[in-house]
């Protein structure tokens, strides 16, 4: 019996050290050496200050900026409360919110259908991308507010469309933060 307890205690200590300390430290070291940008959250730095992450959505409320998808994460884009609303398609609260968002966006661009991703939240609530349709939908507002030609802004959107991964996975998308940073660079010229 004493031998079994000794083996159990030693096995617990060894596996805890191996799987709880050595393995995580080794993987952290490898990721920092080989994938530093990805391991650190793909942060975007401007003038020495971190302004966001390429992989986590953030709100843009100014009329001169492209807007992200609505967020249901906490009070909005709160990574500590990531998650969708879990409201089903027949839930009246969801229907009312989508109708209200659609009506508001329809006033912004009355001649175009409202893309679904501008009125619905993503599963995580932290989606950093919108569809190309959602980005193009916002072009008239952004161009008007920035006093730019719509064609200039459309070309900027087109330059920021990321195709499907490997040509088959996912959908084409536009990273909102990167698009807005490019828009700021364009406005500085």
Protein backbone atom coordinates (compact mmCIF):
# COMPACT_ATOMS: atom_id res chain seq x y z
CA UNK A 1 0.00 0.00 0.00
CA UNK A 2 2.82 2.42 0.95
CA UNK A 3 4.53 1.70 -2.39
CA UNK A 4 1.33 2.54 -4.34
CA UNK A 5 0.88 5.84 -2.46
CA UNK A 6 4.51 6.78 -3.09
CA UNK A 7 4.16 6.01 -6.81
CA UNK A 8 0.90 8.00 -6.97
CA UNK A 9 2.40 11.05 -5.27
CA UNK A 10 5.55 10.93 -7.43
CA UNK A 11 3.47 10.48 -10.61
CA UNK A 12 1.33 13.47 -9.65
CA UNK A 13 4.42 15.61 -9.05
CA UNK A 14 6.08 14.51 -12.31
CA UNK A 15 2.98 14.99 -14.48
CA UNK A 16 2.22 18.33 -12.84
CA UNK A 17 5.76 19.55 -13.51
CA UNK A 18 5.81 18.13 -17.03
CA UNK A 19 2.31 19.10 -18.20
CA UNK A 20 1.72 22.12 -15.97
CA UNK A 21 5.11 23.84 -16.25
CA UNK A 22 7.57 22.43 -18.76
CA UNK A 23 5.17 21.85 -21.68
CA UNK A 24 3.41 25.27 -21.44
CA UNK A 25 6.75 27.09 -21.11
CA UNK A 26 8.17 25.18 -24.10
CA UNK A 27 5.11 25.97 -26.26
CA UNK A 28 5.24 29.63 -25.23
CA UNK A 29 8.93 29.78 -26.18
CA UNK A 30 8.32 28.10 -29.54
CA UNK A 31 5.37 30.36 -30.36
CA UNK A 32 7.35 33.48 -29.41
CA UNK A 33 10.26 32.39 -31.60
CA UNK A 34 8.29 31.21 -34.64
CA UNK A 35 4.97 33.09 -34.54
CA UNK A 36 5.63 36.22 -32.46
CA UNK A 37 2.90 38.35 -34.07
CA UNK A 38 0.20 35.68 -33.79
CA UNK A 39 1.24 34.62 -30.28
CA UNK A 40 0.85 38.18 -29.06
CA UNK A 41 -2.65 38.78 -30.45
CA UNK A 42 -1.75 40.37 -33.82
CA UNK A 43 -1.62 43.83 -32.26
CA UNK A 44 -1.55 46.89 -34.49
CA UNK A 45 0.80 49.63 -33.32
CA UNK A 46 0.74 53.23 -34.58
CA UNK A 47 3.23 55.82 -33.37
CA UNK A 48 4.41 53.44 -30.64
CA UNK A 49 0.91 52.94 -29.21
CA UNK A 50 -1.19 49.78 -29.49
CA UNK A 51 -4.45 50.83 -31.15
CA UNK A 52 -6.12 47.48 -31.59
CA UNK A 53 -5.87 43.88 -32.64
CA UNK A 54 -6.34 42.54 -36.14
CA UNK A 55 -8.33 39.60 -34.77
CA UNK A 56 -10.63 41.24 -32.19
CA UNK A 57 -13.39 43.61 -33.25
CA UNK A 58 -13.80 47.04 -31.76
CA UNK A 59 -16.44 49.73 -32.08
CA UNK A 60 -16.20 52.59 -34.54
CA UNK A 61 -18.99 55.09 -34.02
CA UNK A 62 -17.82 58.13 -35.96
CA UNK A 63 -19.72 58.77 -39.19
CA UNK A 64 -16.40 59.10 -41.05
CA UNK A 65 -15.40 55.53 -40.22
CA UNK A 66 -16.54 52.12 -41.40
CA UNK A 67 -18.56 50.45 -38.66
CA UNK A 68 -18.08 46.92 -37.39
CA UNK A 69 -20.78 44.34 -36.86
CA UNK A 70 -22.94 44.95 -33.81
CA UNK A 71 -21.57 43.20 -30.72
CA UNK A 72 -23.44 41.26 -28.06
CA UNK A 73 -20.28 40.75 -25.96
CA UNK A 74 -20.97 42.34 -22.58
CA UNK A 75 -21.49 46.05 -23.06
CA UNK A 76 -20.12 45.72 -26.59
CA UNK A 77 -16.77 44.35 -27.77
CA UNK A 78 -15.93 43.20 -24.24
CA UNK A 79 -13.55 40.25 -24.65
CA UNK A 80 -14.18 39.14 -21.07
CA UNK A 81 -17.86 38.56 -21.96
CA UNK A 82 -17.46 37.12 -25.43
CA UNK A 83 -20.52 35.35 -26.73
CA UNK A 84 -23.67 35.76 -28.73
CA UNK A 85 -27.09 36.57 -27.42
CA UNK A 86 -28.51 33.08 -28.06
CA UNK A 87 -31.72 34.69 -29.28
CA UNK A 88 -33.49 32.50 -31.82
CA UNK A 89 -34.86 33.74 -35.15
CA UNK A 90 -38.41 33.91 -33.75
CA UNK A 91 -37.43 35.85 -30.62
CA UNK A 92 -39.29 39.17 -30.63
CA UNK A 93 -36.39 41.00 -28.98
CA UNK A 94 -34.06 39.97 -31.82
CA UNK A 95 -36.66 40.78 -34.49
CA UNK A 96 -37.23 44.26 -33.01
CA UNK A 97 -33.49 44.99 -32.78
CA UNK A 98 -32.85 43.86 -36.36
CA UNK A 99 -35.79 45.93 -37.64
CA UNK A 100 -34.59 49.00 -35.74
CA UNK A 101 -31.00 48.60 -36.99
CA UNK A 102 -32.23 48.01 -40.55
CA UNK A 103 -34.44 51.11 -40.50
CA UNK A 104 -31.57 53.23 -39.21
CA UNK A 105 -29.17 51.94 -41.86
CA UNK A 106 -31.79 52.27 -44.60
CA UNK A 107 -31.93 56.02 -43.88
CA UNK A 108 -28.16 56.15 -44.30
CA UNK A 109 -28.27 54.50 -47.73
CA UNK A 110 -31.89 54.32 -48.96
CA UNK A 111 -31.15 52.87 -52.38
CA UNK A 112 -29.31 49.75 -51.24
CA UNK A 113 -30.38 46.60 -49.39
CA UNK A 114 -28.90 46.40 -45.89
CA UNK A 115 -26.33 43.59 -45.56
CA UNK A 116 -27.27 41.10 -42.88
CA UNK A 117 -23.97 41.37 -41.01
CA UNK A 118 -24.61 45.05 -40.25
CA UNK A 119 -27.75 44.21 -38.28
CA UNK A 120 -26.88 40.87 -36.67
CA UNK A 121 -24.19 40.03 -34.13
CA UNK A 122 -21.54 37.38 -34.60
CA UNK A 123 -21.32 34.28 -32.43
CA UNK A 124 -18.40 35.67 -30.42
CA UNK A 125 -19.51 39.31 -30.46
CA UNK A 126 -15.90 40.21 -31.34
CA UNK A 127 -15.83 39.70 -35.11
CA UNK A 128 -13.20 42.03 -36.61
CA UNK A 129 -14.47 41.65 -40.18
CA UNK A 130 -17.48 42.56 -42.27
CA UNK A 131 -18.50 41.25 -45.66
CA UNK A 132 -17.47 43.21 -48.74
CA UNK A 133 -21.19 44.03 -49.20
CA UNK A 134 -21.30 45.62 -45.73
CA UNK A 135 -18.19 47.68 -46.47
CA UNK A 136 -19.50 48.84 -49.85
CA UNK A 137 -22.85 49.71 -48.23
CA UNK A 138 -21.04 52.20 -45.96
CA UNK A 139 -19.02 53.87 -48.75
CA UNK A 140 -21.47 56.76 -49.43
CA UNK A 141 -21.60 57.79 -45.75
CA UNK A 142 -17.83 57.54 -45.25
CA UNK A 143 -17.07 59.42 -48.48
CA UNK A 144 -19.58 62.16 -47.62
CA UNK A 145 -18.26 62.60 -44.07
CA UNK A 146 -14.60 62.56 -45.16
CA UNK A 147 -15.24 64.81 -48.19
CA UNK A 148 -13.77 62.15 -50.47
CA UNK A 149 -14.80 60.84 -53.84
CA UNK A 150 -16.87 57.63 -53.56
CA UNK A 151 -14.65 55.95 -56.16
CA UNK A 152 -11.59 56.56 -53.96
CA UNK A 153 -13.28 54.96 -50.99
CA UNK A 154 -14.55 52.04 -53.10
CA UNK A 155 -11.01 51.40 -54.34
CA UNK A 156 -9.81 51.41 -50.74
CA UNK A 157 -12.46 48.83 -49.81
CA UNK A 158 -11.56 46.72 -52.84
CA UNK A 159 -7.87 46.77 -51.84
CA UNK A 160 -8.77 45.47 -48.36
CA UNK A 161 -10.96 42.54 -49.38
CA UNK A 162 -9.38 39.32 -48.13
CA UNK A 163 -10.43 36.31 -50.24
CA UNK A 164 -11.49 32.93 -48.91
CA UNK A 165 -8.69 31.07 -47.19
CA UNK A 166 -7.07 28.66 -49.67
CA UNK A 167 -9.81 29.72 -52.09
CA UNK A 168 -12.43 27.48 -50.44
CA UNK A 169 -12.66 28.13 -46.68
CA UNK A 170 -14.86 30.85 -45.21
CA UNK A 171 -16.09 33.90 -47.06
CA UNK A 172 -14.46 37.02 -48.44
CA UNK A 173 -14.09 39.63 -45.73
CA UNK A 174 -12.83 43.11 -44.92
CA UNK A 175 -10.98 43.83 -41.68
CA UNK A 176 -12.65 46.99 -40.34
CA UNK A 177 -9.71 48.23 -38.25
CA UNK A 178 -7.24 47.91 -41.11
CA UNK A 179 -9.68 49.58 -43.50
CA UNK A 180 -10.20 52.51 -41.12
CA UNK A 181 -6.44 52.91 -40.64
CA UNK A 182 -5.99 53.02 -44.41
CA UNK A 183 -8.80 55.56 -44.56
CA UNK A 184 -6.96 57.73 -42.01
CA UNK A 185 -3.76 57.47 -44.09
CA UNK A 186 -5.70 58.47 -47.21
CA UNK A 187 -7.19 61.49 -45.45
CA UNK A 188 -3.72 62.67 -44.30
CA UNK A 189 -2.44 62.99 -47.87
